[in-house]
Amino acid sequence: MKYVVVSGGVISGIGKGVIASSTGLLLKTLGLRVTSIKIDPYVNIDAGTMSPLEHGEVFVLDDGGEVDLDLGNYERYLNVSLTRENNITTGKIYSRVIERERKGDYLGKTVQVVPHVTDTIQNWIEEVAHRPVDDSGCEPDVCIVELGGTVGDIESAPFVEALRQFQFRVGRENFALIHVSLVPTISGEQKTKPTQAAIRDLRSLGLSPDIIACRCSEKLEKQTVDKLAMFCHVTPDQVLVVHDLRSIYLVPVLLEEQKLLKSLDLKIQLNTILLPPERARTGTDLWLEWKSLTARDNRSFDKITIALVGKYTHLKDSYISVVKSLEHSAMHVGRVLEIVWVEASDLEAETSITEKVKFHKAWHDVCSADGILVPGGFGTRGTEGMIAAAKWARENNVPYLGICLGLQLAAVEYLRNVAGIVDASSEEFDPELSGSNKAVVFMPEVSKTHLGGTMRLGLRSTKFQPDTEWSRIRKLYNNSEEIFERHRHRYEVNPDLVPLLEEKGLHFVGKDESGVRMEILELKDHPYYVATQFHPEYISKVLNPSKPFLGLVAASAGVLDNVIAEIGRKDGKTSF
């Protein structure tokens, strides 16, 4: 097993996740099997109880793990399915150590950070790295380990020490370190001092980078690269310039041009991994497909506008998987994507001059968009604005995609404005609702007292119902009878009201195995009005975009029928 660790210095949010994912993709182009682990130094057990405005999106895995959003990057780039164990947190590590101490596993010894915590970290990495993550069912060849946060933070100290020890446990010839650092440009001068200081701190902790990935706004001058190499104890070939690009999907191409794989091969001897010819060919085909897609994206000129009507739009990372799914779909239909961020509460009645300006701006953005998307969320705030957006899309034949809460509110809107139940709402917003007003209900098996990991989570089945051959969303899934998508919700459409909704023309084309839970709704005589209880963004891949998102983008671009026909010709594959 080869290990590539990606750490970061100077500032957080520097792009370690994209560089880690891009490195993994390049390794896959050699035919290697790659897995990934993300280390998060926070004390939470997982990301499930963290506000999207605090930490960004909570990403959900097949096994129901609620994890850091970077695991979504890994899955999108590497086409793998990770588990909750691929996300290590301080909370998880200390929970395991304390549990063992309570059971007496340490035989009365004083339990300390070194060696007990650091050993637990190393054991965890080594154990998870060997687990299969793709359809082959075989053990990976390389594990990418991303160390979250910034080296030097007190929270990450045990993990840095564990990785220092780990390089000797697995052998220096099997361990490479990529350190991502910022090289700012101030008054026209490229400053190397922040990176020099970051590397000095890292080396003082016992880790010496084999490759330095320099994040910068523009290409670095040769003299800057030479200076970094001299003061950071590497050769100029080991200094990679990762400057701002039009698209993050071009980062693998940029790293490949700077011979990242050659540098890794020199350090961890990738050529000693013996591969059958068919795996090498698969890697070559993967790289050709990636370059073809990104090159096509670079030549796109026609623009589509999607209004994203959400509750957490002040922090764009709250919807990162949604954004990436839209990007994947736009690339595949050859359009330039423009996302217009609409705070849902701004669509509600205005009560002051400031709110009046926001109100009219928000409605202008919704009314002028080519398509409307209402994503998931929790709580009452902004829901009336989301309902209003769904109503506008329905009545004006604007392509619409609702996700999770977006499905529930589409059902509420239809009950109010088509079925005549004007007070219809969700039990989430008003626990005292009763009878036909209760459009959305709390799921009976979900805990009302414990928040972490208690929702309906993970990969679950959706079955398309009989007589739905007309359904556009079913055609996008290549007329499958059953699909599997990831879930994260506590509430669902009230099954008692489904007959009324369907009688009035709202079709629930997909339901769960029991036929009681509503999974997909669709309007028949509409260009594209679809909502899903599941979160299709969680399994969208760069080379295989999510079908509901592909439908929204294609309908917004006026090419949905062409896309559906192409899917049929290519037997479900969506590379056009």
Protein backbone atom coordinates (compact mmCIF):
# COMPACT_ATOMS: atom_id res chain seq x y z
CA MET A 1 0.00 0.00 0.00
CA LYS A 2 1.25 3.44 -1.00
CA TYR A 3 0.18 6.51 0.98
CA VAL A 4 0.01 10.10 -0.29
CA VAL A 5 -0.67 12.64 2.47
CA VAL A 6 -1.96 16.11 1.58
CA SER A 7 -1.50 18.82 4.22
CA GLY A 8 -2.00 22.58 4.16
CA GLY A 9 -0.32 25.66 5.52
CA VAL A 10 -0.73 29.44 5.85
CA ILE A 11 -4.55 29.51 5.62
CA SER A 12 -7.45 27.07 5.61
CA GLY A 13 -9.74 26.61 2.62
CA ILE A 14 -6.78 26.68 0.28
CA GLY A 15 -7.91 23.86 -1.98
CA LYS A 16 -6.42 20.74 -0.39
CA GLY A 17 -9.53 18.72 -1.23
CA VAL A 18 -9.37 19.51 -4.95
CA ILE A 19 -5.63 18.81 -5.08
CA ALA A 20 -6.07 15.54 -3.15
CA SER A 21 -8.91 14.49 -5.49
CA SER A 22 -6.96 15.51 -8.59
CA THR A 23 -3.93 13.54 -7.40
CA GLY A 24 -6.12 10.50 -6.89
CA LEU A 25 -7.61 10.87 -10.36
CA LEU A 26 -4.14 11.02 -11.96
CA LEU A 27 -3.15 7.86 -10.10
CA LYS A 28 -6.28 6.19 -11.45
CA THR A 29 -5.25 7.12 -14.99
CA LEU A 30 -2.30 4.77 -14.49
CA GLY A 31 -4.77 1.97 -13.80
CA LEU A 32 -4.24 2.05 -10.03
CA ARG A 33 -7.05 1.56 -7.52
CA VAL A 34 -7.30 4.56 -5.22
CA THR A 35 -9.06 5.25 -1.92
CA SER A 36 -9.20 8.38 0.23
CA ILE A 37 -9.33 9.32 3.91
CA LYS A 38 -10.17 12.76 5.31
CA ILE A 39 -8.90 13.76 8.76
CA ASP A 40 -10.94 16.50 10.46
CA PRO A 41 -9.43 17.82 13.73
CA TYR A 42 -12.77 18.95 15.20
CA VAL A 43 -14.14 17.15 18.27
CA ASN A 44 -17.55 16.37 16.74
CA ILE A 45 -18.12 12.69 16.07
CA ASP A 46 -19.25 13.59 12.56
CA ALA A 47 -20.61 16.54 10.58
CA GLY A 48 -24.27 15.55 11.04
CA THR A 49 -25.20 18.05 13.75
CA MET A 50 -23.20 20.97 12.35
CA SER A 51 -25.00 23.92 10.76
CA PRO A 52 -24.40 24.36 7.02
CA LEU A 53 -23.53 27.99 7.79
CA GLU A 54 -20.92 26.79 10.30
CA HIS A 55 -19.11 24.13 8.31
CA GLY A 56 -20.65 23.92 4.85
CA GLU A 57 -22.54 20.98 3.44
CA VAL A 58 -23.00 17.69 5.25
CA PHE A 59 -22.18 14.96 2.73
CA VAL A 60 -24.00 11.61 3.07
CA LEU A 61 -22.51 8.26 2.08
CA ASP A 62 -24.07 4.93 1.07
CA ASP A 63 -23.84 3.63 4.63
CA GLY A 64 -25.58 6.72 6.00
CA GLY A 65 -22.40 8.34 7.28
CA GLU A 66 -22.72 12.13 7.63
CA VAL A 67 -19.26 13.37 6.76
CA ASP A 68 -17.13 16.29 5.62
CA LEU A 69 -17.88 17.74 2.20
CA ASP A 70 -14.39 16.82 0.92
CA LEU A 71 -15.43 13.17 0.78
CA GLY A 72 -17.89 14.28 -1.87
CA ASN A 73 -14.96 15.61 -3.90
CA TYR A 74 -13.18 12.27 -3.63
CA GLU A 75 -16.21 10.31 -4.77
CA ARG A 76 -16.97 12.68 -7.66
CA TYR A 77 -13.41 12.56 -9.03
CA LEU A 78 -12.51 8.94 -8.27
CA ASN A 79 -15.87 7.23 -8.89
CA VAL A 80 -15.65 5.33 -5.59
CA SER A 81 -18.05 4.70 -2.72
CA LEU A 82 -16.53 5.55 0.64
CA THR A 83 -17.78 4.77 4.15
CA ARG A 84 -18.13 6.75 7.36
CA GLU A 85 -14.80 5.24 8.47
CA ASN A 86 -13.08 7.18 5.67
CA ASN A 87 -13.72 10.34 7.68
CA ILE A 88 -11.63 10.51 10.86
CA THR A 89 -12.40 13.14 13.50
CA THR A 90 -10.87 13.92 16.88
CA GLY A 91 -14.22 12.93 18.40
CA LYS A 92 -14.09 9.48 16.80
CA ILE A 93 -10.49 8.88 17.85
CA TYR A 94 -11.00 9.90 21.47
CA SER A 95 -14.25 7.93 21.67
CA ARG A 96 -12.41 4.81 20.60
CA VAL A 97 -9.53 5.44 23.03
CA ILE A 98 -11.87 6.13 25.96
CA GLU A 99 -13.99 3.07 25.16
CA ARG A 100 -10.87 0.88 25.20
CA GLU A 101 -9.70 2.47 28.45
CA ARG A 102 -13.07 1.78 30.10
CA LYS A 103 -12.88 -1.86 28.99
CA GLY A 104 -9.39 -2.22 30.48
CA ASP A 105 -7.66 -2.84 27.16
CA TYR A 106 -4.66 -0.73 28.21
CA LEU A 107 -3.96 -3.02 31.19
CA GLY A 108 -3.84 -0.25 33.77
CA LYS A 109 -1.37 1.96 31.91
CA THR A 110 -1.63 5.74 31.95
CA VAL A 111 -3.48 6.59 28.72
CA GLN A 112 -1.69 9.41 26.87
CA VAL A 113 -1.77 11.21 23.53
CA VAL A 114 1.52 9.49 22.67
CA PRO A 115 1.40 6.56 22.12
CA HIS A 116 -2.26 5.66 22.65
CA VAL A 117 -4.02 8.38 20.63
CA THR A 118 -1.37 8.45 17.90
CA ASP A 119 -1.39 4.65 17.63
CA THR A 120 -5.17 4.67 17.29
CA ILE A 121 -4.91 7.19 14.43
CA GLN A 122 -2.31 5.09 12.63
CA ASN A 123 -4.25 1.87 13.10
CA TRP A 124 -7.41 3.53 11.80
CA ILE A 125 -5.67 4.80 8.65
CA GLU A 126 -4.03 1.48 7.91
CA GLU A 127 -7.21 -0.50 8.50
CA VAL A 128 -9.47 1.69 6.34
CA ALA A 129 -6.91 2.12 3.55
CA HIS A 130 -7.10 -1.58 2.68
CA ARG A 131 -10.90 -1.71 2.28
CA PRO A 132 -12.28 -2.02 -1.27
CA VAL A 133 -14.13 1.09 -2.47
CA ASP A 134 -15.02 0.30 -6.09
CA ASP A 135 -16.97 -2.31 -8.04
CA SER A 136 -13.93 -4.58 -8.37
CA GLY A 137 -14.11 -5.54 -4.69
CA CYS A 138 -10.29 -5.52 -4.63
CA GLU A 139 -7.95 -3.81 -2.19
CA PRO A 140 -6.75 -0.35 -3.29
CA ASP A 141 -3.15 0.27 -4.37
CA VAL A 142 -2.87 3.85 -3.10
CA CYS A 143 -4.53 5.78 -0.27
CA ILE A 144 -4.81 9.58 -0.34
CA VAL A 145 -4.92 11.00 3.21
CA GLU A 146 -5.99 14.64 3.53
CA LEU A 147 -5.15 16.34 6.81
CA GLY A 148 -7.82 18.98 7.41
CA GLY A 149 -7.12 22.35 8.95
CA THR A 150 -3.76 24.08 8.92
CA VAL A 151 -0.48 22.60 10.12
CA GLY A 152 0.44 24.36 13.37
CA ASP A 153 -3.11 24.47 14.73
CA ILE A 154 -3.30 22.95 18.21
CA GLU A 155 -6.22 20.74 17.13
CA SER A 156 -4.19 18.95 14.46
CA ALA A 157 -1.07 18.31 16.58
CA PRO A 158 -1.89 14.64 17.46
CA PHE A 159 -2.57 13.87 13.80
CA VAL A 160 0.66 15.47 12.61
CA GLU A 161 2.61 13.44 15.18
CA ALA A 162 0.75 10.28 14.14
CA LEU A 163 1.65 10.88 10.49
CA ARG A 164 5.29 11.53 11.46
CA GLN A 165 5.38 8.11 13.07
CA PHE A 166 3.33 6.54 10.27
CA GLN A 167 5.96 7.25 7.60
CA PHE A 168 8.32 4.91 9.43
CA ARG A 169 5.65 2.32 10.15
CA VAL A 170 4.83 1.88 6.44
CA GLY A 171 8.30 2.69 5.11
CA ARG A 172 9.56 5.95 3.64
CA GLU A 173 9.42 4.41 0.15
CA ASN A 174 5.64 4.02 0.57
CA PHE A 175 4.90 7.49 1.99
CA ALA A 176 4.77 10.81 0.12
CA LEU A 177 3.72 14.21 1.45
CA ILE A 178 2.19 16.99 -0.66
CA HIS A 179 2.00 20.28 1.21
CA VAL A 180 -0.38 22.92 -0.14
CA SER A 181 0.62 26.49 0.64
CA LEU A 182 -0.37 30.00 -0.37
CA VAL A 183 1.91 32.26 -2.43
CA PRO A 184 0.17 35.66 -2.39
CA THR A 185 0.89 38.52 -4.77
CA ILE A 186 1.18 41.85 -2.98
CA SER A 187 1.80 45.08 -4.92
CA GLY A 188 2.79 42.99 -7.93
CA GLU A 189 5.37 40.92 -6.03
CA GLN A 190 5.02 37.17 -5.45
CA LYS A 191 5.69 36.57 -1.77
CA THR A 192 7.41 33.32 -0.74
CA LYS A 193 7.83 34.02 2.98
CA PRO A 194 4.45 32.52 4.08
CA THR A 195 5.31 29.22 2.36
CA GLN A 196 8.85 29.25 3.73
CA ALA A 197 7.50 29.70 7.27
CA ALA A 198 4.86 26.98 6.76
CA ILE A 199 7.44 24.48 5.51
CA ARG A 200 9.79 25.37 8.38
CA ASP A 201 7.00 24.67 10.88
CA LEU A 202 6.16 21.40 9.15
CA ARG A 203 9.76 20.19 9.14
CA SER A 204 10.16 21.12 12.80
CA LEU A 205 7.32 18.66 13.49
CA GLY A 206 9.17 15.86 11.72
CA LEU A 207 7.48 15.94 8.30
CA SER A 208 9.33 17.07 5.20
CA PRO A 209 7.25 17.64 2.04
CA ASP A 210 8.15 15.76 -1.10
CA ILE A 211 6.03 18.08 -3.26
CA ILE A 212 4.92 21.66 -2.58
CA ALA A 213 1.69 22.70 -4.31
CA CYS A 214 1.68 26.48 -4.45
CA ARG A 215 -1.76 28.07 -4.62
CA CYS A 216 -1.61 31.43 -6.34
CA SER A 217 -3.75 33.74 -8.41
CA GLU A 218 -1.40 33.71 -11.41
CA LYS A 219 1.47 31.57 -12.67
CA LEU A 220 4.63 31.89 -10.61
CA GLU A 221 7.74 33.35 -12.14
CA LYS A 222 10.74 31.05 -12.52
CA GLN A 223 12.72 33.01 -9.97
CA THR A 224 9.88 32.54 -7.45
CA VAL A 225 9.86 28.79 -8.01
CA ASP A 226 13.65 28.62 -7.68
CA LYS A 227 13.55 30.64 -4.46
CA LEU A 228 10.88 28.36 -2.98
CA ALA A 229 12.88 25.28 -3.92
CA MET A 230 16.07 26.63 -2.37
CA PHE A 231 14.53 27.71 0.94
CA CYS A 232 12.13 24.76 1.28
CA HIS A 233 14.66 21.96 0.69
CA VAL A 234 13.20 20.60 -2.57
CA THR A 235 14.11 20.73 -6.26
CA PRO A 236 12.27 23.10 -8.63
CA ASP A 237 10.54 20.06 -10.16
CA GLN A 238 8.95 19.41 -6.78
CA VAL A 239 7.32 22.86 -6.71
CA LEU A 240 3.93 22.71 -8.47
CA VAL A 241 2.18 25.92 -9.47
CA VAL A 242 -1.58 25.60 -8.92
CA HIS A 243 -2.87 28.95 -10.12
CA ASP A 244 -6.49 30.00 -10.49
CA LEU A 245 -8.29 28.32 -13.38
CA ARG A 246 -11.61 28.75 -15.15
CA SER A 247 -12.75 25.40 -13.78
CA ILE A 248 -11.53 23.16 -10.96
CA TYR A 249 -11.91 20.21 -13.36
CA LEU A 250 -8.81 21.51 -15.15
CA VAL A 251 -6.65 21.04 -12.03
CA PRO A 252 -5.78 17.40 -12.87
CA VAL A 253 -4.66 18.53 -16.33
CA LEU A 254 -2.53 21.28 -14.78
CA LEU A 255 -0.89 18.83 -12.34
CA GLU A 256 -0.29 16.28 -15.10
CA GLU A 257 1.44 18.93 -17.23
CA GLN A 258 3.83 19.61 -14.33
CA LYS A 259 4.66 15.88 -14.05
CA LEU A 260 3.14 15.21 -10.63
CA LEU A 261 3.05 11.48 -11.36
CA LYS A 262 6.76 11.45 -12.17
CA SER A 263 7.57 13.11 -8.83
CA LEU A 264 5.39 10.60 -6.97
CA ASP A 265 6.94 7.72 -8.86
CA LEU A 266 10.41 8.80 -7.79
CA LYS A 267 9.31 8.94 -4.15
CA ILE A 268 7.01 5.94 -3.70
CA GLN A 269 8.03 3.78 -6.68
CA LEU A 270 4.66 3.46 -8.38
CA ASN A 271 6.29 1.44 -11.15
CA THR A 272 6.77 -1.45 -8.73
CA ILE A 273 2.97 -2.01 -8.65
CA LEU A 274 2.36 -4.68 -11.27
CA LEU A 275 -0.82 -4.07 -13.26
CA PRO A 276 -2.56 -6.30 -15.84
CA PRO A 277 -2.82 -4.66 -19.31
CA GLU A 278 -6.60 -4.20 -19.07
CA ARG A 279 -6.27 -1.99 -15.97
CA ALA A 280 -3.70 0.18 -17.70
CA ARG A 281 -6.05 0.53 -20.70
CA THR A 282 -8.91 1.47 -18.39
CA GLY A 283 -6.75 4.20 -16.89
CA THR A 284 -5.81 5.53 -20.32
CA ASP A 285 -9.47 5.59 -21.39
CA LEU A 286 -10.39 7.44 -18.19
CA TRP A 287 -7.83 10.16 -18.89
CA LEU A 288 -8.93 10.56 -22.50
CA GLU A 289 -12.55 10.92 -21.41
CA TRP A 290 -11.64 13.46 -18.70
CA LYS A 291 -9.57 15.59 -21.07
CA SER A 292 -12.26 15.42 -23.76
CA LEU A 293 -14.95 16.58 -21.34
CA THR A 294 -12.91 19.45 -19.89
CA ALA A 295 -11.79 20.57 -23.37
CA ARG A 296 -15.42 20.60 -24.52
CA ASP A 297 -16.35 22.63 -21.45
CA ASN A 298 -13.65 25.17 -22.35
CA ARG A 299 -15.29 25.65 -25.77
CA SER A 300 -18.83 26.17 -24.45
CA PHE A 301 -20.40 29.58 -25.08
CA ASP A 302 -24.18 29.17 -24.73
CA LYS A 303 -25.31 30.07 -21.22
CA ILE A 304 -28.11 28.79 -19.01
CA THR A 305 -29.22 30.39 -15.76
CA ILE A 306 -30.41 28.34 -12.79
CA ALA A 307 -32.00 30.11 -9.82
CA LEU A 308 -31.00 28.27 -6.65
CA VAL A 309 -33.64 29.22 -4.08
CA GLY A 310 -32.13 28.22 -0.73
CA LYS A 311 -31.88 28.97 2.98
CA TYR A 312 -28.09 29.02 3.40
CA THR A 313 -27.00 30.99 0.34
CA HIS A 314 -24.68 33.24 2.38
CA LEU A 315 -22.21 30.33 2.50
CA LYS A 316 -22.01 28.74 -0.95
CA ASP A 317 -20.30 25.62 0.45
CA SER A 318 -23.64 24.78 2.08
CA TYR A 319 -24.77 23.57 -1.34
CA ILE A 320 -21.47 22.39 -2.80
CA SER A 321 -22.74 19.00 -4.04
CA VAL A 322 -25.75 20.70 -5.64
CA VAL A 323 -23.43 23.15 -7.40
CA LYS A 324 -21.11 20.37 -8.56
CA SER A 325 -24.06 18.34 -9.88
CA LEU A 326 -25.24 21.34 -11.90
CA GLU A 327 -21.69 21.82 -13.21
CA HIS A 328 -21.40 18.16 -14.24
CA SER A 329 -24.69 18.36 -16.14
CA ALA A 330 -23.85 21.67 -17.81
CA MET A 331 -20.54 20.26 -19.03
CA HIS A 332 -22.30 17.25 -20.54
CA VAL A 333 -24.86 19.33 -22.46
CA GLY A 334 -22.26 21.89 -23.57
CA ARG A 335 -23.56 24.94 -21.72
CA VAL A 336 -21.95 27.62 -19.57
CA LEU A 337 -23.65 27.49 -16.19
CA GLU A 338 -24.66 30.60 -14.27
CA ILE A 339 -26.12 30.02 -10.82
CA VAL A 340 -28.19 32.88 -9.44
CA TRP A 341 -28.30 32.63 -5.64
CA VAL A 342 -31.71 33.56 -4.24
CA GLU A 343 -32.24 33.68 -0.49
CA ALA A 344 -35.69 32.13 -0.09
CA SER A 345 -36.83 34.56 2.62
CA ASP A 346 -36.29 37.46 0.17
CA LEU A 347 -39.18 36.11 -1.93
CA GLU A 348 -41.61 36.63 0.93
CA ALA A 349 -43.60 39.79 1.66
CA GLU A 350 -41.53 42.94 2.13
CA THR A 351 -41.96 45.14 5.21
CA SER A 352 -39.20 47.77 4.85
CA ILE A 353 -37.35 49.69 2.16
CA THR A 354 -34.33 47.36 2.40
CA GLU A 355 -36.50 44.25 2.22
CA LYS A 356 -38.44 45.78 -0.69
CA VAL A 357 -35.24 46.07 -2.73
CA LYS A 358 -34.27 42.48 -1.89
CA PHE A 359 -37.82 41.29 -2.65
CA HIS A 360 -37.89 42.75 -6.16
CA LYS A 361 -34.32 41.67 -6.93
CA ALA A 362 -35.07 38.09 -5.80
CA TRP A 363 -38.24 37.88 -7.89
CA HIS A 364 -36.47 39.31 -10.92
CA ASP A 365 -33.82 36.59 -10.59
CA VAL A 366 -36.44 33.83 -10.26
CA CYS A 367 -38.63 35.09 -13.11
CA SER A 368 -35.72 35.54 -15.53
CA ALA A 369 -34.02 32.18 -14.82
CA ASP A 370 -34.05 29.31 -17.32
CA GLY A 371 -34.63 26.83 -14.49
CA ILE A 372 -35.40 26.80 -10.76
CA LEU A 373 -33.92 24.55 -8.09
CA VAL A 374 -35.14 24.28 -4.49
CA PRO A 375 -32.66 22.23 -2.43
CA GLY A 376 -32.92 20.59 0.99
CA GLY A 377 -32.91 22.34 4.32
CA PHE A 378 -34.31 22.37 7.84
CA GLY A 379 -36.59 24.72 9.78
CA THR A 380 -39.31 27.22 8.93
CA ARG A 381 -37.28 30.20 7.70
CA GLY A 382 -37.68 30.89 4.00
CA THR A 383 -40.12 28.07 3.30
CA GLU A 384 -42.91 30.36 2.07
CA GLY A 385 -40.45 31.82 -0.42
CA MET A 386 -39.56 28.31 -1.62
CA ILE A 387 -43.26 27.50 -2.01
CA ALA A 388 -43.72 30.68 -4.05
CA ALA A 389 -40.81 29.70 -6.32
CA ALA A 390 -42.29 26.22 -6.86
CA LYS A 391 -45.66 27.80 -7.72
CA TRP A 392 -44.05 30.14 -10.24
CA ALA A 393 -42.24 27.26 -11.94
CA ARG A 394 -45.40 25.13 -12.07
CA GLU A 395 -47.69 27.83 -13.44
CA ASN A 396 -45.21 29.28 -15.96
CA ASN A 397 -43.76 26.04 -17.37
CA VAL A 398 -40.28 26.80 -16.04
CA PRO A 399 -38.12 23.67 -15.45
CA TYR A 400 -38.10 22.86 -11.74
CA LEU A 401 -36.16 20.46 -9.53
CA GLY A 402 -36.97 20.10 -5.84
CA ILE A 403 -34.76 18.09 -3.50
CA CYS A 404 -35.89 16.71 -0.13
CA LEU A 405 -37.51 19.82 1.39
CA GLY A 406 -38.05 20.94 -2.22
CA LEU A 407 -40.28 17.90 -2.78
CA GLN A 408 -42.21 18.40 0.44
CA LEU A 409 -42.87 22.06 -0.32
CA ALA A 410 -43.92 21.26 -3.90
CA ALA A 411 -46.56 18.94 -2.40
CA VAL A 412 -47.64 21.67 0.05
CA GLU A 413 -47.93 24.18 -2.79
CA TYR A 414 -50.03 21.81 -4.90
CA LEU A 415 -52.39 21.05 -2.02
CA ARG A 416 -52.89 24.75 -1.35
CA ASN A 417 -53.29 26.06 -4.87
CA VAL A 418 -54.67 23.11 -6.86
CA ALA A 419 -56.39 20.80 -4.33
CA GLY A 420 -57.89 23.70 -2.39
CA ILE A 421 -56.47 22.92 1.08
CA VAL A 422 -55.32 26.48 1.69
CA ASP A 423 -53.88 25.85 5.17
CA ALA A 424 -51.76 22.84 4.15
CA SER A 425 -48.31 22.85 5.71
CA SER A 426 -45.64 20.64 7.26
CA GLU A 427 -45.56 19.17 10.73
CA GLU A 428 -41.97 20.43 10.88
CA PHE A 429 -43.24 24.02 10.81
CA ASP A 430 -46.40 23.51 12.88
CA PRO A 431 -46.52 20.45 15.20
CA GLU A 432 -50.19 21.15 15.97
CA LEU A 433 -51.39 20.46 12.43
CA SER A 434 -54.11 17.86 11.99
CA GLY A 435 -56.22 16.20 9.31
CA SER A 436 -55.91 17.24 5.67
CA ASN A 437 -53.79 20.28 6.61
CA LYS A 438 -50.92 17.97 7.55
CA ALA A 439 -49.23 17.66 4.13
CA VAL A 440 -45.85 16.57 5.52
CA VAL A 441 -45.44 14.36 8.60
CA PHE A 442 -42.69 13.28 10.95
CA MET A 443 -41.39 9.81 10.13
CA PRO A 444 -42.45 7.38 12.88
CA GLU A 445 -39.09 5.63 13.36
CA VAL A 446 -37.03 8.83 13.66
CA SER A 447 -35.88 10.09 17.07
CA LYS A 448 -37.23 13.46 18.22
CA THR A 449 -34.67 13.83 21.01
CA HIS A 450 -31.32 12.74 19.49
CA LEU A 451 -30.18 14.62 16.40
CA GLY A 452 -26.90 12.94 15.39
CA GLY A 453 -27.26 10.07 12.93
CA THR A 454 -30.98 9.52 13.61
CA MET A 455 -32.52 10.59 10.29
CA ARG A 456 -33.40 8.31 7.39
CA LEU A 457 -29.90 8.11 5.99
CA GLY A 458 -27.91 6.45 3.25
CA LEU A 459 -28.51 4.44 0.07
CA ARG A 460 -32.09 3.21 -0.33
CA SER A 461 -34.30 1.84 -3.08
CA THR A 462 -36.84 3.75 -5.16
CA LYS A 463 -39.21 1.80 -7.42
CA PHE A 464 -40.87 3.39 -10.43
CA GLN A 465 -44.60 2.81 -10.37
CA PRO A 466 -46.68 1.07 -13.06
CA ASP A 467 -47.92 3.16 -16.00
CA THR A 468 -45.10 5.70 -15.70
CA GLU A 469 -43.48 5.02 -19.08
CA TRP A 470 -44.31 8.64 -19.99
CA SER A 471 -42.14 9.94 -17.12
CA ARG A 472 -39.19 12.04 -18.24
CA ILE A 473 -37.27 11.33 -15.04
CA ARG A 474 -37.74 7.59 -15.55
CA LYS A 475 -36.42 7.93 -19.12
CA LEU A 476 -33.39 9.76 -17.78
CA TYR A 477 -32.77 6.69 -15.59
CA ASN A 478 -32.92 4.66 -18.84
CA ASN A 479 -36.39 3.27 -18.02
CA SER A 480 -35.10 1.44 -14.95
CA GLU A 481 -37.64 -0.24 -12.70
CA GLU A 482 -35.58 0.39 -9.55
CA ILE A 483 -32.89 2.91 -8.64
CA PHE A 484 -30.76 3.51 -5.55
CA GLU A 485 -30.09 7.00 -4.19
CA ARG A 486 -28.94 8.51 -0.89
CA HIS A 487 -31.32 9.98 1.68
CA ARG A 488 -31.15 12.45 4.57
CA HIS A 489 -34.53 13.48 6.01
CA ARG A 490 -36.84 13.34 9.02
CA TYR A 491 -40.11 14.24 7.34
CA GLU A 492 -42.12 12.81 4.43
CA VAL A 493 -45.25 13.52 2.40
CA ASN A 494 -48.34 12.39 4.29
CA PRO A 495 -49.35 9.12 2.55
CA ASP A 496 -53.00 9.75 3.49
CA LEU A 497 -53.06 12.75 1.13
CA VAL A 498 -51.35 11.08 -1.82
CA PRO A 499 -54.63 9.86 -3.43
CA LEU A 500 -55.95 13.44 -3.45
CA LEU A 501 -52.72 14.82 -4.90
CA GLU A 502 -52.64 12.20 -7.64
CA GLU A 503 -56.33 12.72 -8.40
CA LYS A 504 -55.53 16.42 -8.97
CA GLY A 505 -52.67 15.59 -11.36
CA LEU A 506 -49.49 15.43 -9.24
CA HIS A 507 -47.94 12.04 -9.98
CA PHE A 508 -45.73 10.19 -7.53
CA VAL A 509 -43.82 8.18 -10.13
CA GLY A 510 -41.33 6.74 -7.62
CA LYS A 511 -42.00 5.21 -4.20
CA ASP A 512 -40.03 3.15 -1.70
CA GLU A 513 -40.20 -0.66 -1.46
CA SER A 514 -43.29 -0.49 0.77
CA GLY A 515 -45.15 1.85 -1.57
CA VAL A 516 -45.88 4.13 1.41
CA ARG A 517 -43.05 6.65 1.13
CA MET A 518 -43.09 9.10 -1.76
CA GLU A 519 -39.70 9.34 -3.47
CA ILE A 520 -40.25 11.16 -6.79
CA LEU A 521 -43.05 13.46 -7.92
CA GLU A 522 -43.58 14.75 -11.45
CA LEU A 523 -46.08 16.77 -13.46
CA LYS A 524 -47.06 15.16 -16.74
CA ASP A 525 -47.87 18.18 -18.92
CA HIS A 526 -44.89 20.32 -18.00
CA PRO A 527 -41.45 20.74 -19.65
CA TYR A 528 -39.77 19.41 -16.48
CA TYR A 529 -41.32 19.57 -13.03
CA VAL A 530 -39.60 16.93 -10.87
CA ALA A 531 -38.86 16.63 -7.16
CA THR A 532 -37.08 13.89 -5.22
CA GLN A 533 -37.18 12.99 -1.54
CA PHE A 534 -33.66 11.63 -1.87
CA HIS A 535 -30.56 13.75 -2.52
CA PRO A 536 -29.40 12.93 -6.06
CA GLU A 537 -26.47 15.34 -5.74
CA TYR A 538 -24.67 12.92 -3.43
CA ILE A 539 -23.90 10.40 -6.19
CA SER A 540 -23.31 12.73 -9.13
CA LYS A 541 -19.93 12.15 -10.79
CA VAL A 542 -17.95 14.35 -13.17
CA LEU A 543 -18.15 11.71 -15.89
CA ASN A 544 -21.65 10.50 -14.96
CA PRO A 545 -23.91 13.36 -13.85
CA SER A 546 -26.95 12.89 -11.62
CA LYS A 547 -30.05 12.15 -13.70
CA PRO A 548 -32.47 14.59 -12.00
CA PHE A 549 -29.91 17.40 -12.32
CA LEU A 550 -29.17 16.43 -15.92
CA GLY A 551 -32.89 16.67 -16.63
CA LEU A 552 -33.15 20.14 -15.08
CA VAL A 553 -30.16 21.50 -16.96
CA ALA A 554 -31.13 19.88 -20.27
CA ALA A 555 -34.72 21.13 -19.98
CA SER A 556 -33.45 24.63 -19.12
CA ALA A 557 -31.26 24.50 -22.23
CA GLY A 558 -34.11 23.19 -24.39
CA VAL A 559 -32.36 19.90 -25.22
CA LEU A 560 -34.06 17.43 -22.85
CA ASP A 561 -35.56 15.30 -25.62
CA ASN A 562 -32.14 15.05 -27.30
CA VAL A 563 -30.52 14.00 -24.02
CA ILE A 564 -33.17 11.34 -23.36
CA ALA A 565 -32.74 9.97 -26.88
CA GLU A 566 -28.96 9.89 -26.46
CA ILE A 567 -29.27 8.02 -23.15
CA GLY A 568 -31.36 5.38 -24.88
CA ARG A 569 -28.80 5.01 -27.67
CA LYS A 570 -25.88 4.78 -25.25
CA ASP A 571 -27.68 2.36 -22.90
CA GLY A 572 -27.80 4.74 -19.98
CA LYS A 573 -24.39 6.36 -20.30
CA THR A 574 -24.45 10.13 -20.31
CA SER A 575 -21.23 11.10 -22.07
CA PHE A 576 -22.35 13.01 -25.16
